[in-house]
């Protein structure tokens, strides 16, 4: 999965570079190419990346819940 994400990132990065080049040479479909690059980057690569990063529950230490708030306020009150 990690390799697939890297390959997709490189493909979409090259796609965007080609789109910028097309804008520079004033190709008539340049904006369409750039739009597809942004679309694929945001609706294909980002969901795959988010799923890969957070599938094992690694995000739980970043969620603020009542317990963590109480601990933080108790530390603040002691100081």
PDB file of N, CA and C in Angstrom:
ATOM      1  N   UNK A   1       0.825  -1.190   0.000  1.00  0.00           N
ATOM      2  CA  UNK A   1       0.000   0.000   0.000  1.00  0.00           C
ATOM      3  C   UNK A   1       0.865   1.247   0.000  1.00  0.00           C
ATOM      4  N   UNK A   2       1.948   1.211   0.780  1.00  0.00           N
ATOM      5  CA  UNK A   2       2.824   2.370   0.865  1.00  0.00           C
ATOM      6  C   UNK A   2       3.463   2.670  -0.491  1.00  0.00           C
ATOM      7  N   UNK A   3       3.860   1.619  -1.196  1.00  0.00           N
ATOM      8  CA  UNK A   3       4.470   1.799  -2.511  1.00  0.00           C
ATOM      9  C   UNK A   3       3.438   2.333  -3.506  1.00  0.00           C
ATOM     10  N   UNK A   4       2.219   1.843  -3.426  1.00  0.00           N
ATOM     11  CA  UNK A   4       1.157   2.318  -4.318  1.00  0.00           C
ATOM     12  C   UNK A   4       0.888   3.801  -4.104  1.00  0.00           C
ATOM     13  N   UNK A   5       0.881   4.237  -2.852  1.00  0.00           N
ATOM     14  CA  UNK A   5       0.661   5.653  -2.553  1.00  0.00           C
ATOM     15  C   UNK A   5       1.799   6.494  -3.116  1.00  0.00           C
ATOM     16  N   UNK A   6       3.024   6.024  -2.974  1.00  0.00           N
ATOM     17  CA  UNK A   6       4.160   6.764  -3.528  1.00  0.00           C
ATOM     18  C   UNK A   6       4.091   6.852  -5.048  1.00  0.00           C
ATOM     19  N   UNK A   7       3.724   5.749  -5.682  1.00  0.00           N
ATOM     20  CA  UNK A   7       3.617   5.749  -7.148  1.00  0.00           C
ATOM     21  C   UNK A   7       2.516   6.697  -7.602  1.00  0.00           C
ATOM     22  N   UNK A   8       1.355   6.645  -6.950  1.00  0.00           N
ATOM     23  CA  UNK A   8       0.267   7.562  -7.295  1.00  0.00           C
ATOM     24  C   UNK A   8       0.674   9.014  -7.082  1.00  0.00           C
ATOM     25  N   UNK A   9       1.395   9.294  -6.002  1.00  0.00           N
ATOM     26  CA  UNK A   9       1.841  10.659  -5.743  1.00  0.00           C
ATOM     27  C   UNK A   9       2.763  11.141  -6.861  1.00  0.00           C
ATOM     28  N   UNK A  10       3.677  10.308  -7.283  1.00  0.00           N
ATOM     29  CA  UNK A  10       4.602  10.701  -8.350  1.00  0.00           C
ATOM     30  C   UNK A  10       3.850  10.914  -9.663  1.00  0.00           C
ATOM     31  N   UNK A  11       2.896  10.024  -9.957  1.00  0.00           N
ATOM     32  CA  UNK A  11       2.103  10.179 -11.177  1.00  0.00           C
ATOM     33  C   UNK A  11       1.343  11.497 -11.164  1.00  0.00           C
ATOM     34  N   UNK A  12       0.673  11.807 -10.051  1.00  0.00           N
ATOM     35  CA  UNK A  12      -0.116  13.033  -9.995  1.00  0.00           C
ATOM     36  C   UNK A  12       0.774  14.273  -9.958  1.00  0.00           C
ATOM     37  N   UNK A  13       1.939  14.163  -9.354  1.00  0.00           N
ATOM     38  CA  UNK A  13       2.882  15.284  -9.369  1.00  0.00           C
ATOM     39  C   UNK A  13       3.362  15.557 -10.788  1.00  0.00           C
ATOM     40  N   UNK A  14       3.709  14.499 -11.514  1.00  0.00           N
ATOM     41  CA  UNK A  14       4.116  14.671 -12.916  1.00  0.00           C
ATOM     42  C   UNK A  14       2.958  15.213 -13.750  1.00  0.00           C
ATOM     43  N   UNK A  15       1.759  14.761 -13.462  1.00  0.00           N
ATOM     44  CA  UNK A  15       0.567  15.240 -14.163  1.00  0.00           C
ATOM     45  C   UNK A  15       0.419  16.755 -13.975  1.00  0.00           C
ATOM     46  N   UNK A  16       0.607  17.214 -12.751  1.00  0.00           N
ATOM     47  CA  UNK A  16       0.491  18.645 -12.477  1.00  0.00           C
ATOM     48  C   UNK A  16       1.614  19.429 -13.158  1.00  0.00           C
ATOM     49  N   UNK A  17       2.824  18.875 -13.192  1.00  0.00           N
ATOM     50  CA  UNK A  17       3.938  19.541 -13.872  1.00  0.00           C
ATOM     51  C   UNK A  17       3.639  19.660 -15.361  1.00  0.00           C
ATOM     52  N   UNK A  18       3.103  18.606 -15.955  1.00  0.00           N
ATOM     53  CA  UNK A  18       2.721  18.661 -17.373  1.00  0.00           C
ATOM     54  C   UNK A  18       1.630  19.710 -17.573  1.00  0.00           C
ATOM     55  N   UNK A  19       0.680  19.779 -16.644  1.00  0.00           N
ATOM     56  CA  UNK A  19      -0.377  20.790 -16.730  1.00  0.00           C
ATOM     57  C   UNK A  19       0.185  22.206 -16.677  1.00  0.00           C
ATOM     58  N   UNK A  20       1.162  22.444 -15.791  1.00  0.00           N
ATOM     59  CA  UNK A  20       1.786  23.768 -15.741  1.00  0.00           C
ATOM     60  C   UNK A  20       2.536  24.068 -17.036  1.00  0.00           C
ATOM     61  N   UNK A  21       3.182  23.050 -17.589  1.00  0.00           N
ATOM     62  CA  UNK A  21       3.874  23.237 -18.860  1.00  0.00           C
ATOM     63  C   UNK A  21       2.882  23.588 -19.964  1.00  0.00           C
ATOM     64  N   UNK A  22       1.757  22.886 -19.992  1.00  0.00           N
ATOM     65  CA  UNK A  22       0.728  23.190 -20.991  1.00  0.00           C
ATOM     66  C   UNK A  22       0.191  24.604 -20.820  1.00  0.00           C
ATOM     67  N   UNK A  23       0.048  25.052 -19.574  1.00  0.00           N
ATOM     68  CA  UNK A  23      -0.375  26.440 -19.351  1.00  0.00           C
ATOM     69  C   UNK A  23       0.663  27.411 -19.884  1.00  0.00           C
ATOM     70  N   UNK A  24       1.915  27.071 -19.703  1.00  0.00           N
ATOM     71  CA  UNK A  24       3.006  27.942 -20.159  1.00  0.00           C
ATOM     72  C   UNK A  24       3.036  28.071 -21.684  1.00  0.00           C
ATOM     73  N   UNK A  25       2.787  26.959 -22.387  1.00  0.00           N
ATOM     74  CA  UNK A  25       2.805  27.023 -23.851  1.00  0.00           C
ATOM     75  C   UNK A  25       1.431  27.360 -24.424  1.00  0.00           C
ATOM     76  N   UNK A  26       0.472  27.640 -23.554  1.00  0.00           N
ATOM     77  CA  UNK A  26      -0.884  28.055 -23.919  1.00  0.00           C
ATOM     78  C   UNK A  26      -1.614  27.003 -24.753  1.00  0.00           C
ATOM     79  N   UNK A  27      -1.536  25.771 -24.306  1.00  0.00           N
ATOM     80  CA  UNK A  27      -2.278  24.676 -24.914  1.00  0.00           C
ATOM     81  C   UNK A  27      -3.747  24.840 -24.549  1.00  0.00           C
ATOM     82  N   UNK A  28      -4.631  24.569 -25.479  1.00  0.00           N
ATOM     83  CA  UNK A  28      -6.046  24.864 -25.261  1.00  0.00           C
ATOM     84  C   UNK A  28      -6.702  23.996 -24.186  1.00  0.00           C
ATOM     85  N   UNK A  29      -6.208  22.808 -23.942  1.00  0.00           N
ATOM     86  CA  UNK A  29      -6.786  21.915 -22.930  1.00  0.00           C
ATOM     87  C   UNK A  29      -5.995  21.932 -21.615  1.00  0.00           C
ATOM     88  N   UNK A  30      -5.159  22.905 -21.399  1.00  0.00           N
ATOM     89  CA  UNK A  30      -4.294  22.948 -20.216  1.00  0.00           C
ATOM     90  C   UNK A  30      -5.107  23.033 -18.924  1.00  0.00           C
ATOM     91  N   UNK A  31      -6.128  23.854 -18.902  1.00  0.00           N
ATOM     92  CA  UNK A  31      -6.932  23.986 -17.692  1.00  0.00           C
ATOM     93  C   UNK A  31      -7.684  22.690 -17.377  1.00  0.00           C
ATOM     94  N   UNK A  32      -8.085  21.974 -18.413  1.00  0.00           N
ATOM     95  CA  UNK A  32      -8.750  20.686 -18.211  1.00  0.00           C
ATOM     96  C   UNK A  32      -7.784  19.668 -17.612  1.00  0.00           C
ATOM     97  N   UNK A  33      -6.547  19.649 -18.111  1.00  0.00           N
ATOM     98  CA  UNK A  33      -5.530  18.736 -17.577  1.00  0.00           C
ATOM     99  C   UNK A  33      -5.245  19.060 -16.120  1.00  0.00           C
ATOM    100  N   UNK A  34      -5.095  20.344 -15.800  1.00  0.00           N
ATOM    101  CA  UNK A  34      -4.849  20.748 -14.414  1.00  0.00           C
ATOM    102  C   UNK A  34      -6.039  20.390 -13.519  1.00  0.00           C
ATOM    103  N   UNK A  35      -7.236  20.601 -14.021  1.00  0.00           N
ATOM    104  CA  UNK A  35      -8.430  20.274 -13.248  1.00  0.00           C
ATOM    105  C   UNK A  35      -8.530  18.787 -12.942  1.00  0.00           C
ATOM    106  N   UNK A  36      -8.235  17.954 -13.923  1.00  0.00           N
ATOM    107  CA  UNK A  36      -8.243  16.510 -13.673  1.00  0.00           C
ATOM    108  C   UNK A  36      -7.163  16.118 -12.679  1.00  0.00           C
ATOM    109  N   UNK A  37      -6.009  16.768 -12.755  1.00  0.00           N
ATOM    110  CA  UNK A  37      -4.936  16.475 -11.799  1.00  0.00           C
ATOM    111  C   UNK A  37      -5.357  16.777 -10.370  1.00  0.00           C
ATOM    112  N   UNK A  38      -5.967  17.919 -10.182  1.00  0.00           N
ATOM    113  CA  UNK A  38      -6.444  18.303  -8.845  1.00  0.00           C
ATOM    114  C   UNK A  38      -7.561  17.361  -8.395  1.00  0.00           C
ATOM    115  N   UNK A  39      -8.458  17.021  -9.310  1.00  0.00           N
ATOM    116  CA  UNK A  39      -9.566  16.119  -8.989  1.00  0.00           C
ATOM    117  C   UNK A  39      -9.050  14.756  -8.531  1.00  0.00           C
ATOM    118  N   UNK A  40      -8.136  14.168  -9.303  1.00  0.00           N
ATOM    119  CA  UNK A  40      -7.605  12.857  -8.947  1.00  0.00           C
ATOM    120  C   UNK A  40      -6.777  12.912  -7.668  1.00  0.00           C
ATOM    121  N   UNK A  41      -6.041  13.985  -7.494  1.00  0.00           N
ATOM    122  CA  UNK A  41      -5.238  14.134  -6.288  1.00  0.00           C
ATOM    123  C   UNK A  41      -6.124  14.176  -5.051  1.00  0.00           C
ATOM    124  N   UNK A  42      -7.223  14.930  -5.138  1.00  0.00           N
ATOM    125  CA  UNK A  42      -8.060  15.099  -3.953  1.00  0.00           C
ATOM    126  C   UNK A  42      -9.062  13.971  -3.738  1.00  0.00           C
ATOM    127  N   UNK A  43      -9.519  13.308  -4.798  1.00  0.00           N
ATOM    128  CA  UNK A  43     -10.552  12.286  -4.629  1.00  0.00           C
ATOM    129  C   UNK A  43     -10.055  10.856  -4.789  1.00  0.00           C
ATOM    130  N   UNK A  44      -8.808  10.675  -5.165  1.00  0.00           N
ATOM    131  CA  UNK A  44      -8.249   9.324  -5.244  1.00  0.00           C
ATOM    132  C   UNK A  44      -7.083   9.175  -4.272  1.00  0.00           C
ATOM    133  N   UNK A  45      -6.095  10.045  -4.394  1.00  0.00           N
ATOM    134  CA  UNK A  45      -4.898   9.901  -3.568  1.00  0.00           C
ATOM    135  C   UNK A  45      -5.163  10.214  -2.093  1.00  0.00           C
ATOM    136  N   UNK A  46      -5.841  11.308  -1.800  1.00  0.00           N
ATOM    137  CA  UNK A  46      -6.057  11.687  -0.399  1.00  0.00           C
ATOM    138  C   UNK A  46      -6.876  10.656   0.390  1.00  0.00           C
ATOM    139  N   UNK A  47      -7.988  10.131  -0.132  1.00  0.00           N
ATOM    140  CA  UNK A  47      -8.699   9.099   0.649  1.00  0.00           C
ATOM    141  C   UNK A  47      -7.869   7.840   0.884  1.00  0.00           C
ATOM    142  N   UNK A  48      -7.092   7.429  -0.117  1.00  0.00           N
ATOM    143  CA  UNK A  48      -6.237   6.257   0.066  1.00  0.00           C
ATOM    144  C   UNK A  48      -5.191   6.531   1.134  1.00  0.00           C
ATOM    145  N   UNK A  49      -4.587   7.725   1.100  1.00  0.00           N
ATOM    146  CA  UNK A  49      -3.583   8.094   2.091  1.00  0.00           C
ATOM    147  C   UNK A  49      -4.189   8.152   3.491  1.00  0.00           C
ATOM    148  N   UNK A  50      -5.346   8.763   3.630  1.00  0.00           N
ATOM    149  CA  UNK A  50      -5.989   8.874   4.935  1.00  0.00           C
ATOM    150  C   UNK A  50      -6.347   7.494   5.479  1.00  0.00           C
ATOM    151  N   UNK A  51      -6.870   6.630   4.638  1.00  0.00           N
ATOM    152  CA  UNK A  51      -7.180   5.271   5.083  1.00  0.00           C
ATOM    153  C   UNK A  51      -5.920   4.552   5.536  1.00  0.00           C
ATOM    154  N   UNK A  52      -4.861   4.665   4.749  1.00  0.00           N
ATOM    155  CA  UNK A  52      -3.609   3.978   5.088  1.00  0.00           C
ATOM    156  C   UNK A  52      -3.039   4.467   6.415  1.00  0.00           C
ATOM    157  N   UNK A  53      -3.049   5.766   6.655  1.00  0.00           N
ATOM    158  CA  UNK A  53      -2.453   6.327   7.867  1.00  0.00           C
ATOM    159  C   UNK A  53      -3.252   6.010   9.123  1.00  0.00           C
ATOM    160  N   UNK A  54      -4.566   5.963   9.019  1.00  0.00           N
ATOM    161  CA  UNK A  54      -5.381   5.857  10.224  1.00  0.00           C
ATOM    162  C   UNK A  54      -6.106   4.530  10.373  1.00  0.00           C
ATOM    163  N   UNK A  55      -5.749   3.503   9.590  1.00  0.00           N
ATOM    164  CA  UNK A  55      -6.458   2.234   9.685  1.00  0.00           C
ATOM    165  C   UNK A  55      -6.146   1.468  10.964  1.00  0.00           C
ATOM    166  N   UNK A  56      -5.002   1.680  11.579  1.00  0.00           N
ATOM    167  CA  UNK A  56      -4.615   0.946  12.784  1.00  0.00           C
ATOM    168  C   UNK A  56      -4.989   1.656  14.080  1.00  0.00           C
ATOM    169  N   UNK A  57      -5.722   2.726  14.006  1.00  0.00           N
ATOM    170  CA  UNK A  57      -6.132   3.442  15.208  1.00  0.00           C
ATOM    171  C   UNK A  57      -5.064   4.339  15.787  1.00  0.00           C
ATOM    172  N   UNK A  58      -4.095   4.722  14.980  1.00  0.00           N
ATOM    173  CA  UNK A  58      -3.019   5.588  15.450  1.00  0.00           C
ATOM    174  C   UNK A  58      -3.522   7.000  15.784  1.00  0.00           C
ATOM    175  N   UNK A  59      -4.671   7.336  15.259  1.00  0.00           N
ATOM    176  CA  UNK A  59      -5.224   8.668  15.460  1.00  0.00           C
ATOM    177  C   UNK A  59      -5.795   8.874  16.858  1.00  0.00           C
ATOM    178  N   UNK A  60      -6.008   7.818  17.615  1.00  0.00           N
ATOM    179  CA  UNK A  60      -6.701   7.919  18.899  1.00  0.00           C
ATOM    180  C   UNK A  60      -5.949   8.768  19.916  1.00  0.00           C
ATOM    181  N   UNK A  61      -4.639   8.849  19.809  1.00  0.00           N
ATOM    182  CA  UNK A  61      -3.905   9.673  20.772  1.00  0.00           C
ATOM    183  C   UNK A  61      -4.081  11.160  20.494  1.00  0.00           C
ATOM    184  N   UNK A  62      -4.608  11.518  19.316  1.00  0.00           N
ATOM    185  CA  UNK A  62      -4.806  12.921  18.973  1.00  0.00           C
ATOM    186  C   UNK A  62      -6.226  13.412  19.226  1.00  0.00           C
ATOM    187  N   UNK A  63      -7.117  12.511  19.591  1.00  0.00           N
ATOM    188  CA  UNK A  63      -8.503  12.890  19.850  1.00  0.00           C
ATOM    189  C   UNK A  63      -8.624  13.408  21.276  1.00  0.00           C
ATOM    190  N   UNK A  64      -9.261  14.550  21.424  1.00  0.00           N
ATOM    191  CA  UNK A  64      -9.462  15.129  22.750  1.00  0.00           C
ATOM    192  C   UNK A  64     -10.779  14.595  23.307  1.00  0.00           C
ATOM    193  N   UNK A  65     -10.712  13.961  24.462  1.00  0.00           N
ATOM    194  CA  UNK A  65     -11.909  13.475  25.130  1.00  0.00           C
ATOM    195  C   UNK A  65     -11.931  14.035  26.558  1.00  0.00           C
ATOM    196  N   UNK A  66     -12.947  13.684  27.321  1.00  0.00           N
ATOM    197  CA  UNK A  66     -13.106  14.233  28.668  1.00  0.00           C
ATOM    198  C   UNK A  66     -11.919  13.894  29.572  1.00  0.00           C
ATOM    199  N   UNK A  67     -11.425  12.682  29.466  1.00  0.00           N
ATOM    200  CA  UNK A  67     -10.297  12.250  30.304  1.00  0.00           C
ATOM    201  C   UNK A  67      -9.057  13.120  30.052  1.00  0.00           C
ATOM    202  N   UNK A  68      -8.751  13.348  28.808  1.00  0.00           N
ATOM    203  CA  UNK A  68      -7.564  14.148  28.476  1.00  0.00           C
ATOM    204  C   UNK A  68      -7.745  15.607  28.891  1.00  0.00           C
ATOM    205  N   UNK A  69      -8.962  16.112  28.775  1.00  0.00           N
ATOM    206  CA  UNK A  69      -9.222  17.483  29.213  1.00  0.00           C
ATOM    207  C   UNK A  69      -9.042  17.618  30.725  1.00  0.00           C
ATOM    208  N   UNK A  70      -9.537  16.634  31.474  1.00  0.00           N
ATOM    209  CA  UNK A  70      -9.374  16.677  32.933  1.00  0.00           C
ATOM    210  C   UNK A  70      -7.901  16.638  33.319  1.00  0.00           C
ATOM    211  N   UNK A  71      -7.124  15.769  32.668  1.00  0.00           N
ATOM    212  CA  UNK A  71      -5.689  15.688  32.951  1.00  0.00           C
ATOM    213  C   UNK A  71      -4.992  17.008  32.638  1.00  0.00           C
ATOM    214  N   UNK A  72      -5.354  17.616  31.516  1.00  0.00           N
ATOM    215  CA  UNK A  72      -4.718  18.870  31.127  1.00  0.00           C
ATOM    216  C   UNK A  72      -5.052  19.985  32.125  1.00  0.00           C
ATOM    217  N   UNK A  73      -6.318  20.068  32.552  1.00  0.00           N
ATOM    218  CA  UNK A  73      -6.709  21.105  33.493  1.00  0.00           C
ATOM    219  C   UNK A  73      -6.123  20.852  34.881  1.00  0.00           C
ATOM    220  N   UNK A  74      -5.981  19.592  35.276  1.00  0.00           N
ATOM    221  CA  UNK A  74      -5.354  19.287  36.558  1.00  0.00           C
ATOM    222  C   UNK A  74      -3.890  19.684  36.558  1.00  0.00           C
ATOM    223  N   UNK A  75      -3.206  19.462  35.474  1.00  0.00           N
ATOM    224  CA  UNK A  75      -1.805  19.900  35.357  1.00  0.00           C
ATOM    225  C   UNK A  75      -1.729  21.423  35.409  1.00  0.00           C
ATOM    226  N   UNK A  76      -2.669  22.090  34.750  1.00  0.00           N
ATOM    227  CA  UNK A  76      -2.669  23.541  34.727  1.00  0.00           C
ATOM    228  C   UNK A  76      -2.953  24.122  36.100  1.00  0.00           C
ATOM    229  N   UNK A  77      -3.883  23.502  36.838  1.00  0.00           N
ATOM    230  CA  UNK A  77      -4.229  23.969  38.180  1.00  0.00           C
ATOM    231  C   UNK A  77      -3.096  23.791  39.163  1.00  0.00           C
ATOM    232  N   UNK A  78      -2.309  22.730  39.029  1.00  0.00           N
ATOM    233  CA  UNK A  78      -1.191  22.481  39.938  1.00  0.00           C
ATOM    234  C   UNK A  78      -0.065  23.473  39.763  1.00  0.00           C
ATOM    235  N   UNK A  79       0.070  24.004  38.580  1.00  0.00           N
ATOM    236  CA  UNK A  79       1.139  24.975  38.320  1.00  0.00           C
ATOM    237  C   UNK A  79       0.699  26.309  38.777  1.00  0.00           C
TER     238      UNK A  79
END
